[in-house]
C-alpha atoms as a PDB file:
ATOM      1  CA  MET A   1     -96.415  -7.194 -81.968  1.00  0.00           C
ATOM      2  CA  ASP A   2     -97.555 -10.589 -80.697  1.00  0.00           C
ATOM      3  CA  MET A   3     -96.952 -14.279 -81.238  1.00  0.00           C
ATOM      4  CA  ASN A   4     -98.884 -14.088 -84.552  1.00  0.00           C
ATOM      5  CA  THR A   5     -96.464 -11.589 -86.085  1.00  0.00           C
ATOM      6  CA  THR A   6     -94.433 -13.216 -88.861  1.00  0.00           C
ATOM      7  CA  ASP A   7     -90.779 -14.040 -88.351  1.00  0.00           C
ATOM      8  CA  SER A   8     -89.734 -11.765 -91.215  1.00  0.00           C
ATOM      9  CA  HIS A   9     -91.604  -8.818 -89.679  1.00  0.00           C
ATOM     10  CA  LEU A  10     -90.082  -9.529 -86.266  1.00  0.00           C
ATOM     11  CA  ILE A  11     -86.607  -9.701 -87.825  1.00  0.00           C
ATOM     12  CA  ALA A  12     -87.173  -6.340 -89.520  1.00  0.00           C
ATOM     13  CA  LEU A  13     -88.362  -4.789 -86.239  1.00  0.00           C
ATOM     14  CA  TRP A  14     -85.457  -6.317 -84.359  1.00  0.00           C
ATOM     15  CA  ARG A  15     -82.890  -5.126 -86.890  1.00  0.00           C
ATOM     16  CA  SER A  16     -84.299  -1.601 -86.535  1.00  0.00           C
ATOM     17  CA  GLY A  17     -83.596  -1.702 -82.797  1.00  0.00           C
ATOM     18  CA  ASN A  18     -86.720  -3.226 -81.263  1.00  0.00           C
ATOM     19  CA  ASP A  19     -85.317  -5.764 -78.789  1.00  0.00           C
ATOM     20  CA  LYS A  20     -88.829  -6.901 -77.841  1.00  0.00           C
ATOM     21  CA  ALA A  21     -89.090  -8.437 -81.301  1.00  0.00           C
ATOM     22  CA  TYR A  22     -86.114 -10.660 -80.460  1.00  0.00           C
ATOM     23  CA  ARG A  23     -87.819 -11.679 -77.221  1.00  0.00           C
ATOM     24  CA  VAL A  24     -90.881 -12.777 -79.189  1.00  0.00           C
ATOM     25  CA  LEU A  25     -88.642 -14.802 -81.539  1.00  0.00           C
ATOM     26  CA  PHE A  26     -86.780 -16.260 -78.577  1.00  0.00           C
ATOM     27  CA  ASP A  27     -90.020 -17.296 -76.882  1.00  0.00           C
ATOM     28  CA  ARG A  28     -91.321 -18.700 -80.158  1.00  0.00           C
ATOM     29  CA  TYR A  29     -88.347 -20.991 -80.788  1.00  0.00           C
ATOM     30  CA  PHE A  30     -86.427 -21.680 -77.598  1.00  0.00           C
ATOM     31  CA  TYR A  31     -88.610 -24.453 -76.165  1.00  0.00           C
ATOM     32  CA  LYS A  32     -89.200 -26.048 -79.567  1.00  0.00           C
ATOM     33  CA  LEU A  33     -85.447 -26.208 -80.179  1.00  0.00           C
ATOM     34  CA  TYR A  34     -84.796 -27.346 -76.622  1.00  0.00           C
ATOM     35  CA  SER A  35     -87.295 -30.212 -76.975  1.00  0.00           C
ATOM     36  CA  TYR A  36     -85.723 -31.156 -80.312  1.00  0.00           C
ATOM     37  CA  THR A  37     -82.193 -31.314 -78.848  1.00  0.00           C
ATOM     38  CA  LEU A  38     -83.350 -33.119 -75.725  1.00  0.00           C
ATOM     39  CA  LYS A  39     -84.660 -35.972 -77.867  1.00  0.00           C
ATOM     40  CA  LEU A  40     -81.216 -36.344 -79.431  1.00  0.00           C
ATOM     41  CA  VAL A  41     -78.908 -35.672 -76.480  1.00  0.00           C
ATOM     42  CA  SER A  42     -81.017 -36.532 -73.413  1.00  0.00           C
ATOM     43  CA  ASP A  43     -78.946 -34.207 -71.223  1.00  0.00           C
ATOM     44  CA  LYS A  44     -80.917 -31.150 -70.160  1.00  0.00           C
ATOM     45  CA  ASN A  45     -77.826 -29.020 -69.522  1.00  0.00           C
ATOM     46  CA  VAL A  46     -76.255 -29.836 -72.869  1.00  0.00           C
ATOM     47  CA  SER A  47     -79.550 -29.260 -74.694  1.00  0.00           C
ATOM     48  CA  GLU A  48     -80.053 -25.902 -73.043  1.00  0.00           C
ATOM     49  CA  GLU A  49     -76.454 -24.875 -73.705  1.00  0.00           C
ATOM     50  CA  ILE A  50     -76.697 -25.757 -77.400  1.00  0.00           C
ATOM     51  CA  VAL A  51     -79.943 -23.845 -77.879  1.00  0.00           C
ATOM     52  CA  MET A  52     -78.659 -20.846 -75.914  1.00  0.00           C
ATOM     53  CA  ASP A  53     -75.506 -20.805 -78.056  1.00  0.00           C
ATOM     54  CA  VAL A  54     -77.611 -20.776 -81.225  1.00  0.00           C
ATOM     55  CA  MET A  55     -79.891 -18.054 -79.895  1.00  0.00           C
ATOM     56  CA  LEU A  56     -76.863 -15.981 -78.879  1.00  0.00           C
ATOM     57  CA  ALA A  57     -75.336 -16.468 -82.332  1.00  0.00           C
ATOM     58  CA  ILE A  58     -78.589 -15.227 -83.884  1.00  0.00           C
ATOM     59  CA  TRP A  59     -78.483 -12.183 -81.609  1.00  0.00           C
ATOM     60  CA  GLN A  60     -74.933 -11.443 -82.693  1.00  0.00           C
ATOM     61  CA  LYS A  61     -75.759 -11.897 -86.401  1.00  0.00           C
ATOM     62  CA  ARG A  62     -79.005  -9.917 -86.400  1.00  0.00           C
ATOM     63  CA  ASP A  63     -77.631  -7.341 -88.834  1.00  0.00           C
ATOM     64  CA  GLN A  64     -76.800 -10.116 -91.299  1.00  0.00           C
ATOM     65  CA  LEU A  65     -80.194 -11.848 -91.141  1.00  0.00           C
ATOM     66  CA  ASN A  66     -82.183 -11.732 -94.327  1.00  0.00           C
ATOM     67  CA  GLY A  67     -85.864 -10.901 -93.893  1.00  0.00           C
ATOM     68  CA  SER A  68     -86.807 -13.560 -96.450  1.00  0.00           C
ATOM     69  CA  LEU A  69     -84.874 -16.178 -94.480  1.00  0.00           C
ATOM     70  CA  SER A  70     -86.827 -19.102 -93.073  1.00  0.00           C
ATOM     71  CA  LEU A  71     -85.779 -18.493 -89.489  1.00  0.00           C
ATOM     72  CA  SER A  72     -87.231 -21.782 -88.341  1.00  0.00           C
ATOM     73  CA  ALA A  73     -85.188 -23.803 -90.848  1.00  0.00           C
ATOM     74  CA  TYR A  74     -82.084 -21.759 -90.085  1.00  0.00           C
ATOM     75  CA  LEU A  75     -82.422 -22.292 -86.325  1.00  0.00           C
ATOM     76  CA  TYR A  76     -83.045 -26.035 -86.615  1.00  0.00           C
ATOM     77  CA  LYS A  77     -80.093 -26.419 -88.983  1.00  0.00           C
ATOM     78  CA  SER A  78     -77.878 -24.407 -86.613  1.00  0.00           C
ATOM     79  CA  VAL A  79     -78.949 -26.523 -83.648  1.00  0.00           C
ATOM     80  CA  ARG A  80     -78.373 -29.702 -85.649  1.00  0.00           C
ATOM     81  CA  ASN A  81     -74.853 -28.551 -86.558  1.00  0.00           C
ATOM     82  CA  ARG A  82     -74.097 -27.711 -82.916  1.00  0.00           C
ATOM     83  CA  LEU A  83     -75.377 -31.129 -81.892  1.00  0.00           C
ATOM     84  CA  ILE A  84     -73.080 -32.794 -84.404  1.00  0.00           C
ATOM     85  CA  ASP A  85     -70.136 -30.748 -83.107  1.00  0.00           C
ATOM     86  CA  HIS A  86     -71.032 -31.697 -79.540  1.00  0.00           C
ATOM     87  CA  LEU A  87     -71.268 -35.396 -80.385  1.00  0.00           C
ATOM     88  CA  ARG A  88     -67.944 -35.295 -82.225  1.00  0.00           C
ATOM     89  CA  LYS A  89     -66.289 -33.790 -79.174  1.00  0.00           C
ATOM     90  CA  GLN A  90     -67.765 -36.535 -76.999  1.00  0.00           C
ATOM     91  CA  LYS A  91     -66.095 -39.273 -79.006  1.00  0.00           C
ATOM     92  CA  VAL A  92     -62.736 -39.740 -77.384  1.00  0.00           C
ATOM     93  CA  ALA A  93     -60.308 -41.501 -79.647  1.00  0.00           C
ATOM     94  CA  THR A  94     -58.615 -44.459 -78.037  1.00  0.00           C
ATOM     95  CA  VAL A  95     -55.903 -46.555 -79.574  1.00  0.00           C
ATOM     96  CA  SER A  96     -54.919 -50.017 -78.461  1.00  0.00           C
ATOM     97  CA  LEU A  97     -51.508 -50.020 -76.815  1.00  0.00           C
ATOM     98  CA  GLU A  98     -50.542 -52.829 -79.180  1.00  0.00           C
ATOM     99  CA  LEU A  99     -50.398 -50.185 -81.921  1.00  0.00           C
ATOM    100  CA  THR A 100     -47.760 -48.287 -79.971  1.00  0.00           C
ATOM    101  CA  ALA A 101     -45.473 -51.335 -80.030  1.00  0.00           C
ATOM    102  CA  VAL A 102     -44.086 -50.406 -83.466  1.00  0.00           C
ATOM    103  CA  GLU A 103     -40.370 -50.107 -82.925  1.00  0.00           C
ATOM    104  CA  PRO A 104     -38.585 -46.994 -84.153  1.00  0.00           C
ATOM    105  CA  SER A 105     -35.687 -47.500 -86.466  1.00  0.00           C
ATOM    106  CA  SER A 106     -33.383 -45.334 -84.376  1.00  0.00           C
ATOM    107  CA  SER A 107     -31.045 -45.807 -81.439  1.00  0.00           C
ATOM    108  CA  PHE A 108     -33.986 -45.290 -79.077  1.00  0.00           C
ATOM    109  CA  ILE A 109     -35.351 -48.821 -79.424  1.00  0.00           C
ATOM    110  CA  THR A 110     -34.560 -49.696 -75.815  1.00  0.00           C
ATOM    111  CA  ASP A 111     -36.119 -46.482 -74.504  1.00  0.00           C
ATOM    112  CA  SER A 112     -39.164 -47.099 -76.658  1.00  0.00           C
ATOM    113  CA  ARG A 113     -39.597 -50.615 -75.265  1.00  0.00           C
ATOM    114  CA  ILE A 114     -39.267 -49.371 -71.688  1.00  0.00           C
ATOM    115  CA  LEU A 115     -41.776 -46.589 -72.342  1.00  0.00           C
ATOM    116  CA  HIS A 116     -44.165 -49.045 -73.971  1.00  0.00           C
ATOM    117  CA  LYS A 117     -43.933 -51.388 -70.980  1.00  0.00           C
ATOM    118  CA  GLU A 118     -44.521 -48.492 -68.580  1.00  0.00           C
ATOM    119  CA  LEU A 119     -47.519 -47.311 -70.609  1.00  0.00           C
ATOM    120  CA  GLU A 120     -48.889 -50.847 -70.792  1.00  0.00           C
ATOM    121  CA  SER A 121     -48.470 -51.237 -67.037  1.00  0.00           C
ATOM    122  CA  LEU A 122     -50.096 -47.861 -66.367  1.00  0.00           C
ATOM    123  CA  TYR A 123     -52.955 -48.710 -68.735  1.00  0.00           C
ATOM    124  CA  ARG A 124     -53.546 -52.153 -67.156  1.00  0.00           C
ATOM    125  CA  SER A 125     -53.369 -50.700 -63.652  1.00  0.00           C
ATOM    126  CA  SER A 126     -55.853 -47.956 -64.567  1.00  0.00           C
ATOM    127  CA  LEU A 127     -58.116 -50.461 -66.305  1.00  0.00           C
ATOM    128  CA  ASN A 128     -58.100 -52.719 -63.226  1.00  0.00           C
ATOM    129  CA  ARG A 129     -59.181 -49.781 -61.055  1.00  0.00           C
ATOM    130  CA  LEU A 130     -62.418 -49.405 -63.035  1.00  0.00           C
ATOM    131  CA  PRO A 131     -65.622 -50.738 -61.492  1.00  0.00           C
ATOM    132  CA  PRO A 132     -66.317 -54.262 -62.863  1.00  0.00           C
ATOM    133  CA  GLN A 133     -69.186 -53.310 -65.215  1.00  0.00           C
ATOM    134  CA  LYS A 134     -67.310 -50.344 -66.695  1.00  0.00           C
ATOM    135  CA  LYS A 135     -64.183 -52.468 -67.111  1.00  0.00           C
ATOM    136  CA  ARG A 136     -66.138 -55.214 -68.847  1.00  0.00           C
ATOM    137  CA  ILE A 137     -67.878 -52.793 -71.217  1.00  0.00           C
ATOM    138  CA  PHE A 138     -64.637 -50.943 -71.965  1.00  0.00           C
ATOM    139  CA  THR A 139     -62.790 -54.205 -72.662  1.00  0.00           C
ATOM    140  CA  MET A 140     -65.575 -55.454 -74.929  1.00  0.00           C
ATOM    141  CA  SER A 141     -65.542 -52.202 -76.880  1.00  0.00           C
ATOM    142  CA  ARG A 142     -61.879 -51.308 -77.117  1.00  0.00           C
ATOM    143  CA  GLU A 143     -60.112 -54.637 -76.910  1.00  0.00           C
ATOM    144  CA  GLU A 144     -62.661 -56.984 -78.488  1.00  0.00           C
ATOM    145  CA  GLY A 145     -63.966 -54.423 -80.993  1.00  0.00           C
ATOM    146  CA  SER A 146     -67.642 -54.885 -80.144  1.00  0.00           C
ATOM    147  CA  SER A 147     -70.078 -52.128 -81.039  1.00  0.00           C
ATOM    148  CA  TYR A 148     -72.186 -50.470 -78.348  1.00  0.00           C
ATOM    149  CA  LYS A 149     -75.243 -52.245 -79.775  1.00  0.00           C
ATOM    150  CA  GLU A 150     -73.512 -55.642 -79.605  1.00  0.00           C
ATOM    151  CA  ILE A 151     -72.417 -54.991 -76.021  1.00  0.00           C
ATOM    152  CA  ALA A 152     -75.912 -53.874 -75.061  1.00  0.00           C
ATOM    153  CA  ASP A 153     -77.410 -57.033 -76.550  1.00  0.00           C
ATOM    154  CA  ARG A 154     -74.858 -59.338 -74.885  1.00  0.00           C
ATOM    155  CA  LEU A 155     -75.223 -57.722 -71.444  1.00  0.00           C
ATOM    156  CA  CYS A 156     -79.004 -57.118 -71.684  1.00  0.00           C
ATOM    157  CA  LEU A 157     -78.527 -53.362 -71.292  1.00  0.00           C
ATOM    158  CA  SER A 158     -79.731 -50.409 -73.301  1.00  0.00           C
ATOM    159  CA  LYS A 159     -77.336 -48.903 -75.818  1.00  0.00           C
ATOM    160  CA  ASN A 160     -77.592 -45.621 -73.903  1.00  0.00           C
ATOM    161  CA  THR A 161     -76.455 -47.348 -70.691  1.00  0.00           C
ATOM    162  CA  VAL A 162     -73.465 -48.811 -72.521  1.00  0.00           C
ATOM    163  CA  GLU A 163     -72.592 -45.352 -73.888  1.00  0.00           C
ATOM    164  CA  ASN A 164     -72.843 -43.848 -70.408  1.00  0.00           C
ATOM    165  CA  HIS A 165     -70.564 -46.555 -68.992  1.00  0.00           C
ATOM    166  CA  MET A 166     -68.040 -45.911 -71.781  1.00  0.00           C
ATOM    167  CA  VAL A 167     -67.999 -42.155 -71.169  1.00  0.00           C
ATOM    168  CA  ALA A 168     -67.490 -42.745 -67.451  1.00  0.00           C
ATOM    169  CA  ALA A 169     -64.837 -45.428 -68.071  1.00  0.00           C
ATOM    170  CA  LEU A 170     -62.879 -43.180 -70.425  1.00  0.00           C
ATOM    171  CA  LYS A 171     -63.038 -40.349 -67.918  1.00  0.00           C
ATOM    172  CA  LEU A 172     -61.823 -42.582 -65.084  1.00  0.00           C
ATOM    173  CA  LEU A 173     -59.050 -44.098 -67.212  1.00  0.00           C
ATOM    174  CA  LYS A 174     -57.864 -40.653 -68.234  1.00  0.00           C
ATOM    175  CA  GLU A 175     -57.872 -39.439 -64.633  1.00  0.00           C
ATOM    176  CA  ASN A 176     -56.068 -42.547 -63.383  1.00  0.00           C
ATOM    177  CA  MET A 177     -53.448 -42.441 -66.119  1.00  0.00           C
ATOM    178  CA  LEU A 178     -52.826 -38.729 -65.544  1.00  0.00           C
ATOM    179  CA  LEU A 179     -52.341 -39.426 -61.856  1.00  0.00           C
ATOM    180  CA  GLY A 180     -49.886 -42.176 -62.776  1.00  0.00           C
ATOM    181  CA  TYR A 181     -51.621 -45.161 -61.157  1.00  0.00           C
END
């Protein structure tokens, strides 16, 4: 058994209890998958975690693997799906506080207005605590509705830099609002 052994033969050996066959498969695909994810995520820890999760899932499903399966295609598709899940989780939904100003049709109108004012004050206070560049980028995105690309072009930054500022701004806003600033 070496690096020239076919995937289907390695899967058959592995399913029959030969753990070295898995090691050959792991060595064959780990760095290829890692390089693939790194091009799309650009975070070494996230890339490694995604690939390790996929490789662990393959280990756990070894009895279900079909010998005629294109392991390469299956692994790349699995990694792609994990990347999509990761990116979805990274998108934090934010809603303008103006949308929360809809008045309820109950006897709690006064309480609702007070709560809205408190939330608005907390939001503005938290927003003002952001570093100037993060505040500007956040405001352009969430309050002006500019895309990351538009912001990057207007501020002469890369789109990736804008995304990084937004992630950091959202994190800081969340922390500040939870602390009640």
